[in-house]
Amino acid sequence: MSQPAHMPARSRRADAVRNEQALLDAAAAVFVTSGVDAPIREIAAGAGVGIGTIYRHFPTRADLVVAVYRHQVESCAEAGPALLEAADSPFAALRQWVDLFADFLVTKHGLANALQSDGGGFQALHKHFLDRLVPVCAQLLQAAADADEIRPGIHAYELMRGVGNLCIGHDSDPRYDPRRLIELLLQGLQGPQQR
């Protein structure tokens, strides 16, 4: 039985999506180590593509930064339910998700500077960020509370804001490790009986 003529087009489309995801992952990794102003050639080398490929997909640096931001929001949102299903406990899933969230916040650093000319675009991205991630964090918190691993009534937005505030200053002071304080914050979610 022969394949329909449209099958190869779908395969190419799936390949194109995978290639773009790999490019965005590489860009995110470079942004973590070198910031959003990293040379495009560094991102291209990390992705294993030519500079022209990046510019073909993302004509401006702001386009690339926004795409990385959205890609990471989606990855972080999709990770929540997967971690909840795979982890030993809901609190372990929450801890792993908060670690991913902190990684995302480090990558996000410098986004506002890259988008200076588009204040409305930055606001739309922030709304997307909240709309996608607050419910995921709330689901993880609720599962941990239902399992009596944390005290009830902890609000997702407050936890995310707290983690975000702890991440400020990470890149300007090598003596500061926000992950130590994030771990203390997570321990504080547990009541004395859970520790």
N, C-alpha and C. Protein backbone atom coordinates (compact mmCIF):
# COMPACT_ATOMS: atom_id res chain seq x y z
N MET A 1 0.85 -1.18 0.00
CA MET A 1 0.00 0.00 0.00
C MET A 1 0.89 1.24 0.00
N SER A 2 0.67 2.14 -0.92
CA SER A 2 1.50 3.33 -1.01
C SER A 2 0.97 4.42 -0.08
N GLN A 3 1.90 5.30 0.37
CA GLN A 3 1.51 6.40 1.25
C GLN A 3 0.87 7.50 0.41
N PRO A 4 -0.10 8.19 0.99
CA PRO A 4 -0.69 9.31 0.28
C PRO A 4 0.36 10.38 -0.01
N ALA A 5 0.12 11.13 -1.05
CA ALA A 5 1.07 12.16 -1.47
C ALA A 5 1.33 13.21 -0.40
N HIS A 6 0.36 13.44 0.50
CA HIS A 6 0.53 14.49 1.50
C HIS A 6 1.37 14.06 2.69
N MET A 7 1.73 12.81 2.84
CA MET A 7 2.51 12.34 3.99
C MET A 7 3.89 13.00 4.09
N PRO A 8 4.67 13.10 3.02
CA PRO A 8 5.98 13.73 3.15
C PRO A 8 5.89 15.17 3.64
N ALA A 9 4.86 15.90 3.21
CA ALA A 9 4.71 17.28 3.65
C ALA A 9 4.53 17.34 5.16
N ARG A 10 3.76 16.42 5.72
CA ARG A 10 3.57 16.38 7.18
C ARG A 10 4.88 16.08 7.87
N SER A 11 5.66 15.15 7.31
CA SER A 11 6.95 14.81 7.90
C SER A 11 7.87 16.03 7.91
N ARG A 12 7.90 16.74 6.79
CA ARG A 12 8.73 17.95 6.74
C ARG A 12 8.23 18.96 7.76
N ARG A 13 6.94 19.09 7.88
CA ARG A 13 6.39 20.04 8.84
C ARG A 13 6.78 19.66 10.26
N ALA A 14 6.70 18.37 10.58
CA ALA A 14 7.11 17.90 11.91
C ALA A 14 8.60 18.16 12.12
N ASP A 15 9.40 17.93 11.08
CA ASP A 15 10.84 18.20 11.17
C ASP A 15 11.09 19.69 11.38
N ALA A 16 10.36 20.51 10.66
CA ALA A 16 10.53 21.96 10.80
C ALA A 16 10.19 22.41 12.22
N VAL A 17 9.13 21.84 12.77
CA VAL A 17 8.74 22.19 14.15
C VAL A 17 9.83 21.74 15.12
N ARG A 18 10.33 20.51 14.95
CA ARG A 18 11.41 20.02 15.82
C ARG A 18 12.65 20.89 15.70
N ASN A 19 12.99 21.26 14.47
CA ASN A 19 14.17 22.11 14.26
C ASN A 19 14.00 23.47 14.93
N GLU A 20 12.81 24.03 14.81
CA GLU A 20 12.57 25.33 15.46
C GLU A 20 12.64 25.20 16.97
N GLN A 21 12.09 24.10 17.52
CA GLN A 21 12.15 23.88 18.96
C GLN A 21 13.61 23.74 19.41
N ALA A 22 14.42 23.02 18.63
CA ALA A 22 15.84 22.86 18.96
C ALA A 22 16.55 24.21 18.91
N LEU A 23 16.20 25.04 17.94
CA LEU A 23 16.79 26.36 17.83
C LEU A 23 16.41 27.22 19.05
N LEU A 24 15.16 27.14 19.46
CA LEU A 24 14.70 27.91 20.62
C LEU A 24 15.36 27.41 21.91
N ASP A 25 15.53 26.10 22.02
CA ASP A 25 16.21 25.54 23.20
C ASP A 25 17.66 26.03 23.24
N ALA A 26 18.32 26.01 22.09
CA ALA A 26 19.71 26.49 22.02
C ALA A 26 19.79 27.97 22.36
N ALA A 27 18.87 28.76 21.85
CA ALA A 27 18.86 30.20 22.15
C ALA A 27 18.64 30.42 23.63
N ALA A 28 17.74 29.68 24.24
CA ALA A 28 17.48 29.82 25.67
C ALA A 28 18.74 29.50 26.47
N ALA A 29 19.45 28.44 26.09
CA ALA A 29 20.68 28.07 26.80
C ALA A 29 21.73 29.17 26.68
N VAL A 30 21.85 29.75 25.50
CA VAL A 30 22.81 30.85 25.30
C VAL A 30 22.37 32.07 26.11
N PHE A 31 21.08 32.36 26.15
CA PHE A 31 20.59 33.50 26.91
C PHE A 31 20.92 33.35 28.40
N VAL A 32 20.86 32.11 28.91
CA VAL A 32 21.18 31.89 30.33
C VAL A 32 22.64 32.23 30.60
N THR A 33 23.53 31.79 29.72
CA THR A 33 24.95 31.99 29.97
C THR A 33 25.46 33.35 29.52
N SER A 34 24.89 33.89 28.43
CA SER A 34 25.44 35.12 27.84
C SER A 34 24.46 36.28 27.78
N GLY A 35 23.22 36.08 28.21
CA GLY A 35 22.22 37.14 28.16
C GLY A 35 21.55 37.25 26.80
N VAL A 36 20.49 38.03 26.74
CA VAL A 36 19.72 38.15 25.51
C VAL A 36 20.44 38.93 24.42
N ASP A 37 21.54 39.58 24.76
CA ASP A 37 22.32 40.31 23.78
C ASP A 37 23.45 39.47 23.20
N ALA A 38 23.44 38.17 23.47
CA ALA A 38 24.49 37.27 22.96
C ALA A 38 24.55 37.35 21.44
N PRO A 39 25.74 37.18 20.87
CA PRO A 39 25.86 37.21 19.40
C PRO A 39 25.02 36.10 18.76
N ILE A 40 24.38 36.42 17.65
CA ILE A 40 23.56 35.45 16.93
C ILE A 40 24.40 34.25 16.50
N ARG A 41 25.66 34.48 16.18
CA ARG A 41 26.53 33.35 15.76
C ARG A 41 26.68 32.34 16.89
N GLU A 42 26.68 32.80 18.16
CA GLU A 42 26.77 31.89 19.30
C GLU A 42 25.51 31.02 19.39
N ILE A 43 24.36 31.63 19.13
CA ILE A 43 23.10 30.88 19.14
C ILE A 43 23.07 29.89 17.98
N ALA A 44 23.50 30.34 16.80
CA ALA A 44 23.53 29.46 15.63
C ALA A 44 24.44 28.26 15.88
N ALA A 45 25.60 28.50 16.47
CA ALA A 45 26.53 27.40 16.76
C ALA A 45 25.91 26.42 17.75
N GLY A 46 25.24 26.95 18.76
CA GLY A 46 24.59 26.08 19.74
C GLY A 46 23.48 25.25 19.14
N ALA A 47 22.80 25.80 18.14
CA ALA A 47 21.69 25.08 17.50
C ALA A 47 22.17 24.21 16.34
N GLY A 48 23.42 24.40 15.93
CA GLY A 48 23.93 23.64 14.80
C GLY A 48 23.34 24.07 13.47
N VAL A 49 23.04 25.36 13.34
CA VAL A 49 22.48 25.90 12.11
C VAL A 49 23.28 27.13 11.70
N GLY A 50 23.04 27.60 10.51
CA GLY A 50 23.67 28.83 10.05
C GLY A 50 22.94 30.05 10.56
N ILE A 51 23.64 31.17 10.56
CA ILE A 51 23.03 32.43 11.01
C ILE A 51 21.81 32.78 10.16
N GLY A 52 21.89 32.49 8.86
CA GLY A 52 20.77 32.77 7.96
C GLY A 52 19.51 32.04 8.36
N THR A 53 19.65 30.84 8.89
CA THR A 53 18.48 30.08 9.33
C THR A 53 17.77 30.80 10.47
N ILE A 54 18.55 31.34 11.39
CA ILE A 54 17.94 32.06 12.51
C ILE A 54 17.21 33.29 12.00
N TYR A 55 17.87 34.06 11.12
CA TYR A 55 17.23 35.28 10.60
C TYR A 55 16.02 34.97 9.72
N ARG A 56 16.03 33.81 9.10
CA ARG A 56 14.87 33.43 8.28
C ARG A 56 13.65 33.19 9.18
N HIS A 57 13.88 32.58 10.33
CA HIS A 57 12.78 32.32 11.27
C HIS A 57 12.45 33.53 12.13
N PHE A 58 13.50 34.28 12.51
CA PHE A 58 13.33 35.40 13.45
C PHE A 58 14.11 36.60 12.92
N PRO A 59 13.45 37.46 12.13
CA PRO A 59 14.14 38.57 11.46
C PRO A 59 14.82 39.56 12.41
N THR A 60 14.30 39.71 13.63
CA THR A 60 14.93 40.63 14.58
C THR A 60 15.24 39.89 15.87
N ARG A 61 16.14 40.46 16.66
CA ARG A 61 16.47 39.87 17.96
C ARG A 61 15.23 39.82 18.84
N ALA A 62 14.41 40.86 18.78
CA ALA A 62 13.19 40.87 19.59
C ALA A 62 12.29 39.70 19.22
N ASP A 63 12.20 39.38 17.92
CA ASP A 63 11.40 38.23 17.48
C ASP A 63 11.92 36.94 18.12
N LEU A 64 13.24 36.79 18.15
CA LEU A 64 13.85 35.60 18.73
C LEU A 64 13.61 35.55 20.24
N VAL A 65 13.80 36.67 20.91
CA VAL A 65 13.61 36.72 22.36
C VAL A 65 12.17 36.38 22.72
N VAL A 66 11.22 36.95 22.00
CA VAL A 66 9.81 36.67 22.25
C VAL A 66 9.50 35.20 22.01
N ALA A 67 10.05 34.64 20.94
CA ALA A 67 9.80 33.23 20.64
C ALA A 67 10.39 32.33 21.73
N VAL A 68 11.59 32.66 22.22
CA VAL A 68 12.19 31.87 23.30
C VAL A 68 11.33 31.99 24.55
N TYR A 69 10.89 33.19 24.85
CA TYR A 69 10.05 33.43 26.03
C TYR A 69 8.77 32.59 25.95
N ARG A 70 8.08 32.66 24.83
CA ARG A 70 6.84 31.89 24.67
C ARG A 70 7.10 30.38 24.73
N HIS A 71 8.19 29.95 24.09
CA HIS A 71 8.57 28.54 24.10
C HIS A 71 8.81 28.06 25.53
N GLN A 72 9.50 28.87 26.32
CA GLN A 72 9.78 28.47 27.69
C GLN A 72 8.54 28.52 28.57
N VAL A 73 7.66 29.47 28.33
CA VAL A 73 6.40 29.49 29.06
C VAL A 73 5.64 28.19 28.80
N GLU A 74 5.55 27.80 27.53
CA GLU A 74 4.84 26.57 27.18
C GLU A 74 5.51 25.34 27.77
N SER A 75 6.83 25.29 27.71
CA SER A 75 7.55 24.15 28.29
C SER A 75 7.32 24.05 29.79
N CYS A 76 7.34 25.18 30.46
CA CYS A 76 7.12 25.21 31.91
C CYS A 76 5.67 24.81 32.24
N ALA A 77 4.73 25.28 31.43
CA ALA A 77 3.32 24.94 31.65
C ALA A 77 3.08 23.45 31.44
N GLU A 78 3.68 22.89 30.39
CA GLU A 78 3.49 21.47 30.10
C GLU A 78 4.21 20.57 31.10
N ALA A 79 5.27 21.08 31.72
CA ALA A 79 6.03 20.28 32.68
C ALA A 79 5.25 20.01 33.95
N GLY A 80 4.40 20.94 34.36
CA GLY A 80 3.69 20.77 35.63
C GLY A 80 2.92 19.47 35.73
N PRO A 81 1.97 19.21 34.84
CA PRO A 81 1.21 17.95 34.91
C PRO A 81 2.09 16.72 34.74
N ALA A 82 3.11 16.81 33.89
CA ALA A 82 4.01 15.66 33.68
C ALA A 82 4.79 15.36 34.96
N LEU A 83 5.28 16.39 35.63
CA LEU A 83 6.00 16.19 36.88
C LEU A 83 5.08 15.63 37.96
N LEU A 84 3.87 16.12 38.00
CA LEU A 84 2.91 15.65 39.00
C LEU A 84 2.63 14.16 38.82
N GLU A 85 2.59 13.72 37.58
CA GLU A 85 2.33 12.31 37.30
C GLU A 85 3.55 11.45 37.59
N ALA A 86 4.75 11.96 37.33
CA ALA A 86 5.96 11.14 37.41
C ALA A 86 6.68 11.19 38.77
N ALA A 87 6.51 12.25 39.52
CA ALA A 87 7.28 12.44 40.76
C ALA A 87 6.79 11.50 41.86
N ASP A 88 7.66 11.31 42.85
CA ASP A 88 7.33 10.45 43.99
C ASP A 88 6.20 11.01 44.84
N SER A 89 6.06 12.33 44.85
CA SER A 89 5.02 12.98 45.64
C SER A 89 4.66 14.32 45.00
N PRO A 90 3.49 14.86 45.33
CA PRO A 90 3.15 16.18 44.80
C PRO A 90 4.14 17.27 45.22
N PHE A 91 4.67 17.18 46.45
CA PHE A 91 5.65 18.19 46.88
C PHE A 91 6.94 18.08 46.07
N ALA A 92 7.36 16.85 45.76
CA ALA A 92 8.55 16.66 44.92
C ALA A 92 8.30 17.26 43.54
N ALA A 93 7.10 17.07 43.00
CA ALA A 93 6.75 17.66 41.70
C ALA A 93 6.78 19.18 41.78
N LEU A 94 6.24 19.74 42.85
CA LEU A 94 6.25 21.19 43.04
C LEU A 94 7.68 21.70 43.11
N ARG A 95 8.52 21.03 43.85
CA ARG A 95 9.93 21.44 43.99
C ARG A 95 10.62 21.43 42.62
N GLN A 96 10.41 20.37 41.84
CA GLN A 96 11.02 20.27 40.51
C GLN A 96 10.49 21.36 39.58
N TRP A 97 9.19 21.64 39.68
CA TRP A 97 8.60 22.66 38.82
C TRP A 97 9.15 24.04 39.19
N VAL A 98 9.27 24.32 40.47
CA VAL A 98 9.81 25.61 40.90
C VAL A 98 11.25 25.77 40.40
N ASP A 99 12.00 24.67 40.36
CA ASP A 99 13.36 24.72 39.83
C ASP A 99 13.34 25.10 38.34
N LEU A 100 12.44 24.49 37.57
CA LEU A 100 12.28 24.85 36.15
C LEU A 100 11.85 26.31 36.00
N PHE A 101 10.95 26.73 36.85
CA PHE A 101 10.45 28.11 36.83
C PHE A 101 11.60 29.09 37.09
N ALA A 102 12.46 28.76 38.06
CA ALA A 102 13.61 29.62 38.35
C ALA A 102 14.55 29.68 37.15
N ASP A 103 14.77 28.53 36.48
CA ASP A 103 15.58 28.53 35.26
C ASP A 103 14.97 29.47 34.22
N PHE A 104 13.66 29.40 34.08
CA PHE A 104 12.96 30.26 33.13
C PHE A 104 13.18 31.74 33.48
N LEU A 105 13.09 32.06 34.76
CA LEU A 105 13.25 33.46 35.17
C LEU A 105 14.64 33.97 34.83
N VAL A 106 15.66 33.13 34.95
CA VAL A 106 17.01 33.54 34.59
C VAL A 106 17.09 33.85 33.10
N THR A 107 16.46 33.00 32.28
CA THR A 107 16.46 33.22 30.82
C THR A 107 15.71 34.49 30.47
N LYS A 108 14.65 34.77 31.20
CA LYS A 108 13.79 35.92 30.92
C LYS A 108 14.50 37.24 31.18
N HIS A 109 15.55 37.20 32.00
CA HIS A 109 16.26 38.43 32.34
C HIS A 109 16.71 39.15 31.08
N GLY A 110 16.46 40.42 31.00
CA GLY A 110 16.86 41.21 29.85
C GLY A 110 15.79 41.32 28.78
N LEU A 111 14.67 40.63 28.97
CA LEU A 111 13.61 40.69 27.96
C LEU A 111 13.09 42.11 27.78
N ALA A 112 12.89 42.82 28.86
CA ALA A 112 12.36 44.17 28.76
C ALA A 112 13.27 45.06 27.92
N ASN A 113 14.59 44.92 28.11
CA ASN A 113 15.53 45.73 27.32
C ASN A 113 15.44 45.38 25.84
N ALA A 114 15.27 44.09 25.54
CA ALA A 114 15.19 43.66 24.14
C ALA A 114 13.92 44.15 23.48
N LEU A 115 12.90 44.44 24.26
CA LEU A 115 11.61 44.85 23.72
C LEU A 115 11.27 46.30 24.04
N GLN A 116 12.27 47.13 24.29
CA GLN A 116 12.03 48.51 24.71
C GLN A 116 11.05 49.24 23.81
N SER A 117 11.11 49.00 22.54
CA SER A 117 10.28 49.77 21.61
C SER A 117 8.85 49.26 21.57
N ASP A 118 8.55 48.18 22.27
CA ASP A 118 7.22 47.58 22.17
C ASP A 118 6.66 47.28 23.56
N GLY A 119 6.33 48.34 24.31
CA GLY A 119 5.81 48.17 25.66
C GLY A 119 4.54 47.34 25.70
N GLY A 120 3.66 47.52 24.72
CA GLY A 120 2.42 46.75 24.67
C GLY A 120 2.68 45.27 24.44
N GLY A 121 3.71 44.98 23.65
CA GLY A 121 4.07 43.59 23.40
C GLY A 121 4.57 42.92 24.67
N PHE A 122 5.34 43.65 25.47
CA PHE A 122 5.83 43.09 26.72
C PHE A 122 4.67 42.82 27.67
N GLN A 123 3.70 43.72 27.73
CA GLN A 123 2.53 43.51 28.60
C GLN A 123 1.74 42.28 28.16
N ALA A 124 1.59 42.09 26.85
CA ALA A 124 0.88 40.92 26.36
C ALA A 124 1.63 39.64 26.72
N LEU A 125 2.96 39.66 26.65
CA LEU A 125 3.74 38.49 27.05
C LEU A 125 3.59 38.20 28.54
N HIS A 126 3.59 39.24 29.35
CA HIS A 126 3.43 39.04 30.79
C HIS A 126 2.05 38.45 31.10
N LYS A 127 1.03 38.89 30.41
CA LYS A 127 -0.31 38.33 30.60
C LYS A 127 -0.33 36.86 30.20
N HIS A 128 0.31 36.53 29.07
CA HIS A 128 0.41 35.14 28.62
C HIS A 128 1.13 34.30 29.69
N PHE A 129 2.21 34.83 30.22
CA PHE A 129 2.98 34.19 31.28
C PHE A 129 2.08 33.85 32.47
N LEU A 130 1.34 34.82 32.94
CA LEU A 130 0.45 34.60 34.09
C LEU A 130 -0.69 33.64 33.75
N ASP A 131 -1.31 33.83 32.59
CA ASP A 131 -2.44 32.98 32.20
C ASP A 131 -2.04 31.51 32.09
N ARG A 132 -0.82 31.25 31.64
CA ARG A 132 -0.38 29.86 31.45
C ARG A 132 0.22 29.25 32.72
N LEU A 133 0.98 30.03 33.49
CA LEU A 133 1.74 29.43 34.58
C LEU A 133 1.06 29.47 35.94
N VAL A 134 0.26 30.47 36.23
CA VAL A 134 -0.41 30.51 37.54
C VAL A 134 -1.31 29.29 37.74
N PRO A 135 -2.12 28.88 36.76
CA PRO A 135 -2.95 27.68 36.97
C PRO A 135 -2.13 26.40 37.18
N VAL A 136 -0.99 26.30 36.52
CA VAL A 136 -0.14 25.11 36.68
C VAL A 136 0.42 25.07 38.10
N CYS A 137 0.93 26.20 38.55
CA CYS A 137 1.45 26.28 39.91
C CYS A 137 0.34 26.00 40.92
N ALA A 138 -0.85 26.53 40.67
CA ALA A 138 -1.99 26.30 41.57
C ALA A 138 -2.34 24.81 41.64
N GLN A 139 -2.29 24.13 40.50
CA GLN A 139 -2.57 22.69 40.47
C GLN A 139 -1.55 21.93 41.33
N LEU A 140 -0.29 22.28 41.20
CA LEU A 140 0.76 21.62 41.99
C LEU A 140 0.59 21.90 43.48
N LEU A 141 0.30 23.15 43.82
CA LEU A 141 0.08 23.51 45.23
C LEU A 141 -1.12 22.76 45.80
N GLN A 142 -2.20 22.69 45.03
CA GLN A 142 -3.40 22.01 45.51
C GLN A 142 -3.14 20.52 45.73
N ALA A 143 -2.41 19.90 44.80
CA ALA A 143 -2.09 18.48 44.94
C ALA A 143 -1.24 18.24 46.18
N ALA A 144 -0.27 19.12 46.43
CA ALA A 144 0.57 18.97 47.62
C ALA A 144 -0.23 19.21 48.90
N ALA A 145 -1.14 20.16 48.87
CA ALA A 145 -2.00 20.42 50.04
C ALA A 145 -2.95 19.24 50.27
N ASP A 146 -3.53 18.71 49.20
CA ASP A 146 -4.43 17.56 49.33
C ASP A 146 -3.72 16.34 49.90
N ALA A 147 -2.42 16.23 49.62
CA ALA A 147 -1.62 15.11 50.15
C ALA A 147 -1.05 15.43 51.54
N ASP A 148 -1.46 16.56 52.11
CA ASP A 148 -0.99 17.02 53.43
C ASP A 148 0.53 17.19 53.48
N GLU A 149 1.11 17.59 52.34
CA GLU A 149 2.56 17.83 52.28
C GLU A 149 2.92 19.30 52.50
N ILE A 150 1.95 20.18 52.29
CA ILE A 150 2.13 21.60 52.57
C ILE A 150 0.87 22.10 53.26
N ARG A 151 0.99 23.23 53.89
CA ARG A 151 -0.19 23.83 54.51
C ARG A 151 -1.14 24.33 53.42
N PRO A 152 -2.42 24.29 53.64
CA PRO A 152 -3.39 24.75 52.62
C PRO A 152 -3.43 26.27 52.53
N GLY A 153 -4.00 26.75 51.43
CA GLY A 153 -4.25 28.18 51.29
C GLY A 153 -3.11 28.98 50.72
N ILE A 154 -2.09 28.33 50.17
CA ILE A 154 -0.96 29.06 49.57
C ILE A 154 -1.36 29.43 48.15
N HIS A 155 -1.21 30.69 47.81
CA HIS A 155 -1.62 31.18 46.50
C HIS A 155 -0.49 31.08 45.48
N ALA A 156 -0.80 30.58 44.31
CA ALA A 156 0.20 30.36 43.26
C ALA A 156 0.89 31.66 42.86
N TYR A 157 0.12 32.71 42.67
CA TYR A 157 0.72 33.98 42.24
C TYR A 157 1.74 34.47 43.28
N GLU A 158 1.40 34.35 44.56
CA GLU A 158 2.32 34.80 45.61
C GLU A 158 3.60 33.98 45.62
N LEU A 159 3.47 32.67 45.47
CA LEU A 159 4.67 31.83 45.43
C LEU A 159 5.54 32.18 44.23
N MET A 160 4.92 32.33 43.07
CA MET A 160 5.68 32.67 41.87
C MET A 160 6.35 34.04 42.00
N ARG A 161 5.64 34.97 42.58
CA ARG A 161 6.21 36.31 42.79
C ARG A 161 7.37 36.24 43.77
N GLY A 162 7.22 35.43 44.82
CA GLY A 162 8.30 35.26 45.79
C GLY A 162 9.54 34.66 45.15
N VAL A 163 9.36 33.62 44.36
CA VAL A 163 10.49 32.99 43.67
C VAL A 163 11.14 34.01 42.72
N GLY A 164 10.31 34.75 42.01
CA GLY A 164 10.84 35.77 41.10
C GLY A 164 11.66 36.81 41.83
N ASN A 165 11.17 37.26 42.97
CA ASN A 165 11.90 38.26 43.74
C ASN A 165 13.22 37.70 44.27
N LEU A 166 13.23 36.43 44.63
CA LEU A 166 14.47 35.81 45.11
C LEU A 166 15.51 35.68 43.98
N CYS A 167 15.04 35.60 42.74
CA CYS A 167 15.97 35.46 41.61
C CYS A 167 16.61 36.78 41.20
N ILE A 168 16.05 37.90 41.65
CA ILE A 168 16.62 39.21 41.31
C ILE A 168 18.00 39.33 41.92
N GLY A 169 18.93 39.79 41.14
CA GLY A 169 20.29 40.00 41.62
C GLY A 169 21.21 38.83 41.39
N HIS A 170 20.68 37.74 40.88
CA HIS A 170 21.49 36.55 40.63
C HIS A 170 22.67 36.84 39.70
N ASP A 171 22.43 37.62 38.65
CA ASP A 171 23.48 37.85 37.65
C ASP A 171 24.44 38.96 38.05
N SER A 172 24.12 39.75 39.05
CA SER A 172 24.99 40.87 39.41
C SER A 172 25.86 40.59 40.64
N ASP A 173 25.62 39.47 41.32
CA ASP A 173 26.40 39.16 42.52
C ASP A 173 26.71 37.67 42.56
N PRO A 174 27.94 37.29 42.23
CA PRO A 174 28.28 35.87 42.19
C PRO A 174 28.20 35.19 43.55
N ARG A 175 28.18 35.95 44.62
CA ARG A 175 28.07 35.36 45.96
C ARG A 175 26.65 34.97 46.30
N TYR A 176 25.68 35.44 45.50
CA TYR A 176 24.27 35.21 45.80
C TYR A 176 23.73 34.01 45.04
N ASP A 177 23.19 33.05 45.77
CA ASP A 177 22.60 31.86 45.16
C ASP A 177 21.11 31.83 45.50
N PRO A 178 20.27 32.25 44.56
CA PRO A 178 18.84 32.29 44.87
C PRO A 178 18.25 30.91 45.17
N ARG A 179 18.86 29.85 44.65
CA ARG A 179 18.29 28.51 44.86
C ARG A 179 18.31 28.11 46.33
N ARG A 180 19.29 28.57 47.08
CA ARG A 180 19.31 28.26 48.53
C ARG A 180 18.10 28.90 49.21
N LEU A 181 17.81 30.13 48.85
CA LEU A 181 16.66 30.81 49.46
C LEU A 181 15.34 30.25 48.94
N ILE A 182 15.31 29.84 47.68
CA ILE A 182 14.10 29.22 47.14
C ILE A 182 13.81 27.93 47.89
N GLU A 183 14.85 27.16 48.19
CA GLU A 183 14.67 25.92 48.96
C GLU A 183 14.12 26.23 50.35
N LEU A 184 14.61 27.29 50.98
CA LEU A 184 14.07 27.69 52.29
C LEU A 184 12.61 28.10 52.17
N LEU A 185 12.28 28.81 51.09
CA LEU A 185 10.89 29.20 50.86
C LEU A 185 10.01 27.97 50.73
N LEU A 186 10.45 26.98 49.95
CA LEU A 186 9.66 25.76 49.77
C LEU A 186 9.52 25.00 51.09
N GLN A 187 10.57 24.96 51.88
CA GLN A 187 10.47 24.30 53.19
C GLN A 187 9.46 25.01 54.07
N GLY A 188 9.38 26.34 53.90
CA GLY A 188 8.42 27.12 54.68
C GLY A 188 6.97 26.83 54.32
N LEU A 189 6.73 26.27 53.13
CA LEU A 189 5.36 25.91 52.75
C LEU A 189 4.86 24.73 53.57
N GLN A 190 5.79 23.95 54.08
CA GLN A 190 5.42 22.79 54.87
C GLN A 190 5.17 23.22 56.30
N GLY A 191 4.15 22.65 56.88
CA GLY A 191 3.92 22.88 58.30
C GLY A 191 4.91 22.06 59.11
N PRO A 192 5.01 22.29 60.41
CA PRO A 192 5.96 21.55 61.24
C PRO A 192 5.76 20.04 61.15
N GLN A 193 4.53 19.60 60.97
CA GLN A 193 4.26 18.17 60.90
C GLN A 193 4.76 17.53 59.60
N GLN A 194 4.98 18.33 58.55
CA GLN A 194 5.43 17.77 57.28
C GLN A 194 6.95 17.69 57.17
N ARG A 195 7.67 18.40 58.01
CA ARG A 195 9.14 18.45 57.89
C ARG A 195 9.78 17.24 58.52
